[in-house]
Amino acid sequence: KFTESGTVQMNVRRDRDLLLIEVHDTGIGMSEEMQDSLFQPFSQNDISRSRAQGGTGIGLVLSKRLSELLGGELALKASRKAVGSTFTVTLPGLGEIDMTSDSNSSSATKDARAPLPLQDVRILVAEDVIDNQDLFRIVLESAGAVVEIVENGEEAVRRATTDKFDAILMDVQMPLLDGLSATRKIRAAGGTLPIIALTAHAMPEEVAKSKAAGCDDHVSKPITANNLISSIVRHLGRSH
């Protein structure tokens, strides 16, 4: 969210196990026609003004996709030209998180917190779509992982056979060398680390192709943070 002049306000509240976030700005607003392409990259309306603000619209796209990856939803609540816009984010699964936690809480309490599920796990992400790269980095690093990203299958093979990683997230469709071919080469070179295929296809034959290529698991879209982390944890033999 941005505004050339005025304010950006954010309200956060809980509703049982849901975290509800509302963001309102006094920016340029949008007509109904402009809202149709709202969540498309680089579609932020009034391009000349958005460039002056450094806005491309990609931040909103990433926010929506990150919300979905976390099992939530981002939506436009209201917008009027020259008045401003209001967006809402709903995130599930907060359990008993204390929304009033004090930053001066004792060190003993902090030390008692459970370790992150992927603490210090080195993960190679092979993904050619920049938006997805950013999303995977945010989710995995938030879980404690150390993340390296490559954008094609050839680079994935090179890094996997020369560097030490604990697991690989392998997009099936990539340039230069696809994910399944890259997996075969890694296995042929003696690589035994867990490789998890990432794909838009959940058909049984697609899962079979991934397993035949040497993948340990197959995570299909819509991918959620919980499913992704659970798969990695399971194949590393960790508790989640």
Protein backbone atom coordinates (compact mmCIF):
# COMPACT_ATOMS: atom_id res chain seq x y z
CA LYS A 1 0.00 0.00 0.00
CA PHE A 2 1.15 3.52 -0.70
CA THR A 3 -0.25 7.02 -0.90
CA GLU A 4 1.14 10.16 -2.49
CA SER A 5 -0.16 12.13 0.46
CA GLY A 6 -2.25 11.26 3.48
CA THR A 7 -2.16 8.11 5.55
CA VAL A 8 -1.94 4.32 5.53
CA GLN A 9 -3.71 2.69 8.48
CA MET A 10 -3.62 -0.93 9.59
CA ASN A 11 -5.95 -2.58 12.10
CA VAL A 12 -5.33 -6.07 13.46
CA ARG A 13 -7.70 -8.15 15.55
CA ARG A 14 -8.50 -11.74 16.42
CA ASP A 15 -11.71 -13.65 15.82
CA ARG A 16 -11.30 -16.98 17.58
CA ASP A 17 -8.48 -18.72 15.65
CA LEU A 18 -8.42 -16.17 12.82
CA LEU A 19 -6.15 -13.17 12.45
CA LEU A 20 -7.99 -10.34 10.70
CA ILE A 21 -5.96 -7.51 9.16
CA GLU A 22 -7.46 -4.43 7.52
CA VAL A 23 -5.31 -1.93 5.64
CA HIS A 24 -6.71 1.41 4.47
CA ASP A 25 -4.93 4.12 2.48
CA THR A 26 -5.89 7.56 1.21
CA GLY A 27 -4.19 6.90 -2.13
CA ILE A 28 -5.39 7.30 -5.70
CA GLY A 29 -8.12 4.66 -5.41
CA MET A 30 -9.51 2.59 -8.28
CA SER A 31 -12.46 2.57 -10.62
CA GLU A 32 -14.50 -0.62 -10.97
CA GLU A 33 -12.81 -1.34 -14.31
CA MET A 34 -9.36 -1.04 -12.76
CA GLN A 35 -10.25 -3.52 -10.04
CA ASP A 36 -10.70 -6.32 -12.60
CA SER A 37 -6.92 -6.60 -13.13
CA LEU A 38 -6.00 -5.65 -9.59
CA PHE A 39 -4.07 -8.78 -8.67
CA GLN A 40 -2.17 -9.06 -11.93
CA PRO A 41 1.57 -8.16 -11.80
CA PHE A 42 2.44 -4.67 -12.98
CA SER A 43 -1.20 -3.66 -13.41
CA GLN A 44 -1.25 -0.96 -10.73
CA ASN A 45 -3.49 1.72 -12.16
CA ASP A 46 -2.29 5.11 -13.28
CA ILE A 47 1.12 3.82 -14.36
CA SER A 48 2.80 7.21 -14.52
CA ARG A 49 1.92 8.00 -10.93
CA SER A 50 2.72 4.51 -9.67
CA ARG A 51 6.18 4.68 -11.23
CA ALA A 52 6.78 7.97 -9.49
CA GLN A 53 5.95 6.15 -6.24
CA GLY A 54 8.11 3.15 -7.14
CA GLY A 55 4.98 0.97 -7.28
CA THR A 56 4.58 -1.82 -9.80
CA GLY A 57 1.63 -3.73 -8.33
CA ILE A 58 3.81 -6.77 -7.73
CA GLY A 59 3.74 -6.23 -3.96
CA LEU A 60 -0.01 -6.70 -3.92
CA VAL A 61 0.27 -9.86 -6.02
CA LEU A 62 2.89 -11.29 -3.67
CA SER A 63 0.78 -10.38 -0.63
CA LYS A 64 -2.21 -12.23 -2.07
CA ARG A 65 -0.20 -15.30 -2.97
CA LEU A 66 1.57 -15.32 0.39
CA SER A 67 -1.81 -15.10 2.13
CA GLU A 68 -3.01 -18.09 0.11
CA LEU A 69 0.19 -20.00 0.82
CA LEU A 70 -0.50 -19.49 4.52
CA GLY A 71 -4.03 -20.80 4.03
CA GLY A 72 -5.64 -17.36 4.16
CA GLU A 73 -7.13 -14.79 1.85
CA LEU A 74 -6.47 -11.22 0.75
CA ALA A 75 -9.36 -9.26 -0.73
CA LEU A 76 -10.32 -5.76 -1.77
CA LYS A 77 -12.99 -4.49 0.59
CA ALA A 78 -13.62 -1.09 -0.99
CA SER A 79 -11.99 1.45 -3.28
CA ARG A 80 -12.97 4.82 -4.75
CA LYS A 81 -11.07 6.99 -7.18
CA ALA A 82 -9.29 9.88 -5.46
CA VAL A 83 -10.50 8.62 -2.06
CA GLY A 84 -8.51 5.49 -1.28
CA SER A 85 -8.68 1.72 -0.87
CA THR A 86 -9.25 -0.80 1.89
CA PHE A 87 -7.94 -4.36 1.80
CA THR A 88 -8.53 -7.22 4.22
CA VAL A 89 -6.33 -10.22 5.03
CA THR A 90 -7.68 -13.25 6.87
CA LEU A 91 -5.21 -15.83 8.20
CA PRO A 92 -6.25 -19.06 9.95
CA GLY A 93 -4.68 -21.38 12.48
CA LEU A 94 -3.42 -18.98 15.13
CA GLY A 95 -4.38 -21.25 18.00
CA GLU A 96 -3.53 -19.62 21.29
CA ILE A 97 -1.10 -16.96 20.03
CA ASP A 98 -1.05 -14.03 22.43
CA MET A 99 -1.90 -10.87 20.48
CA THR A 100 -0.84 -8.72 23.44
CA SER A 101 2.62 -10.23 23.90
CA ASP A 102 5.05 -7.89 25.61
CA SER A 103 8.40 -7.19 23.97
CA ASN A 104 9.88 -7.16 27.49
CA SER A 105 8.91 -10.76 28.18
CA SER A 106 11.47 -12.70 30.17
CA SER A 107 14.34 -14.48 28.48
CA ALA A 108 13.20 -17.67 30.20
CA THR A 109 9.90 -17.49 28.34
CA LYS A 110 11.69 -16.91 25.04
CA ASP A 111 14.04 -19.81 25.66
CA ALA A 112 11.05 -22.06 26.35
CA ARG A 113 9.63 -21.52 22.88
CA ALA A 114 9.71 -24.51 20.57
CA PRO A 115 12.47 -24.49 17.94
CA LEU A 116 11.49 -23.62 14.39
CA PRO A 117 10.58 -26.74 12.36
CA LEU A 118 13.30 -26.16 9.74
CA GLN A 119 15.92 -24.55 11.95
CA ASP A 120 19.28 -24.44 10.10
CA VAL A 121 18.05 -26.79 7.36
CA ARG A 122 19.74 -25.97 4.05
CA ILE A 123 17.22 -26.07 1.23
CA LEU A 124 17.84 -25.63 -2.49
CA VAL A 125 14.78 -24.22 -4.28
CA ALA A 126 14.74 -24.77 -8.05
CA GLU A 127 12.07 -22.40 -9.38
CA ASP A 128 12.10 -20.08 -12.39
CA VAL A 129 9.16 -17.80 -11.50
CA ILE A 130 10.39 -14.81 -9.51
CA ASP A 131 7.15 -14.39 -7.55
CA ASN A 132 7.30 -18.02 -6.44
CA GLN A 133 10.97 -17.65 -5.51
CA ASP A 134 10.08 -14.80 -3.16
CA LEU A 135 7.18 -16.71 -1.63
CA PHE A 136 9.18 -19.86 -0.98
CA ARG A 137 12.01 -17.84 0.54
CA ILE A 138 9.63 -16.03 2.91
CA VAL A 139 7.89 -19.21 4.06
CA LEU A 140 11.01 -21.35 4.43
CA GLU A 141 13.16 -18.72 6.12
CA SER A 142 10.29 -18.00 8.52
CA ALA A 143 10.46 -21.69 9.46
CA GLY A 144 14.19 -21.37 10.16
CA ALA A 145 15.63 -22.71 6.90
CA VAL A 146 18.68 -21.46 5.02
CA VAL A 147 17.49 -21.01 1.44
CA GLU A 148 19.37 -20.99 -1.87
CA ILE A 149 17.50 -20.41 -5.12
CA VAL A 150 18.28 -21.41 -8.71
CA GLU A 151 16.12 -20.72 -11.73
CA ASN A 152 16.66 -23.69 -14.04
CA GLY A 153 17.30 -27.42 -13.95
CA GLU A 154 20.91 -27.24 -15.10
CA GLU A 155 21.84 -24.92 -12.25
CA ALA A 156 19.95 -27.15 -9.83
CA VAL A 157 22.06 -30.15 -10.89
CA ARG A 158 25.28 -28.17 -10.60
CA ARG A 159 24.50 -26.85 -7.12
CA ALA A 160 23.11 -30.15 -5.85
CA THR A 161 26.22 -32.06 -6.91
CA THR A 162 28.81 -29.54 -5.70
CA ASP A 163 27.28 -28.03 -2.54
CA LYS A 164 25.75 -29.55 0.58
CA PHE A 165 21.98 -29.27 1.03
CA ASP A 166 19.53 -31.12 3.25
CA ALA A 167 16.62 -31.06 0.78
CA ILE A 168 15.59 -29.78 -2.65
CA LEU A 169 12.29 -28.26 -3.75
CA MET A 170 12.16 -28.96 -7.48
CA ASP A 171 9.72 -27.21 -9.81
CA VAL A 172 8.77 -29.66 -12.54
CA GLN A 173 8.58 -27.12 -15.37
CA MET A 174 11.74 -25.03 -15.77
CA PRO A 175 13.83 -23.76 -18.70
CA LEU A 176 17.02 -25.39 -20.03
CA LEU A 177 16.35 -28.59 -18.09
CA ASP A 178 13.02 -29.58 -16.54
CA GLY A 179 12.74 -30.61 -12.91
CA LEU A 180 12.28 -34.33 -13.46
CA SER A 181 15.28 -34.53 -15.80
CA ALA A 182 17.31 -32.59 -13.24
CA THR A 183 16.23 -35.04 -10.54
CA ARG A 184 17.35 -38.00 -12.65
CA LYS A 185 20.77 -36.43 -13.12
CA ILE A 186 21.13 -35.73 -9.41
CA ARG A 187 20.23 -39.33 -8.57
CA ALA A 188 22.59 -40.66 -11.27
CA ALA A 189 25.38 -38.61 -9.67
CA GLY A 190 24.75 -40.32 -6.34
CA GLY A 191 22.57 -37.69 -4.69
CA THR A 192 20.42 -39.20 -1.92
CA LEU A 193 18.94 -36.10 -0.29
CA PRO A 194 15.14 -35.64 -0.28
CA ILE A 195 13.80 -34.06 -3.49
CA ILE A 196 10.24 -32.75 -3.42
CA ALA A 197 8.54 -32.06 -6.75
CA LEU A 198 6.47 -28.88 -7.06
CA THR A 199 3.80 -28.89 -9.74
CA ALA A 200 0.39 -27.62 -10.73
CA HIS A 201 -0.73 -31.16 -11.51
CA ALA A 202 -2.13 -33.55 -8.92
CA MET A 203 -3.15 -36.35 -11.32
CA PRO A 204 -1.98 -39.84 -10.29
CA GLU A 205 0.07 -40.21 -13.47
CA GLU A 206 1.95 -36.99 -12.69
CA VAL A 207 2.73 -38.21 -9.19
CA ALA A 208 3.95 -41.49 -10.67
CA LYS A 209 6.25 -39.63 -13.07
CA SER A 210 7.77 -37.68 -10.18
CA LYS A 211 8.38 -40.82 -8.14
CA ALA A 212 9.84 -42.63 -11.17
CA ALA A 213 12.27 -39.76 -11.73
CA GLY A 214 13.54 -40.11 -8.17
CA CYS A 215 11.49 -37.53 -6.26
CA ASP A 216 10.62 -38.44 -2.68
CA ASP A 217 7.38 -36.48 -2.63
CA HIS A 218 5.03 -34.55 -4.89
CA VAL A 219 3.39 -31.32 -3.67
CA SER A 220 0.78 -29.90 -6.03
CA LYS A 221 -0.97 -26.55 -6.17
CA PRO A 222 -2.58 -24.95 -4.35
CA ILE A 223 0.52 -25.28 -2.17
CA THR A 224 0.17 -24.19 1.45
CA ALA A 225 2.96 -23.38 3.86
CA ASN A 226 1.85 -26.15 6.20
CA ASN A 227 1.82 -28.81 3.48
CA LEU A 228 5.21 -27.72 2.18
CA ILE A 229 6.91 -27.60 5.57
CA SER A 230 5.26 -30.85 6.68
CA SER A 231 6.61 -32.64 3.61
CA ILE A 232 10.15 -31.41 4.23
CA VAL A 233 10.00 -32.25 7.93
CA ARG A 234 8.66 -35.73 7.20
CA HIS A 235 11.44 -36.59 4.78
CA LEU A 236 14.11 -35.22 7.08
CA GLY A 237 12.77 -37.37 9.90
CA ARG A 238 12.04 -34.37 12.11
CA SER A 239 9.05 -33.70 14.36
CA HIS A 240 6.72 -30.89 13.37
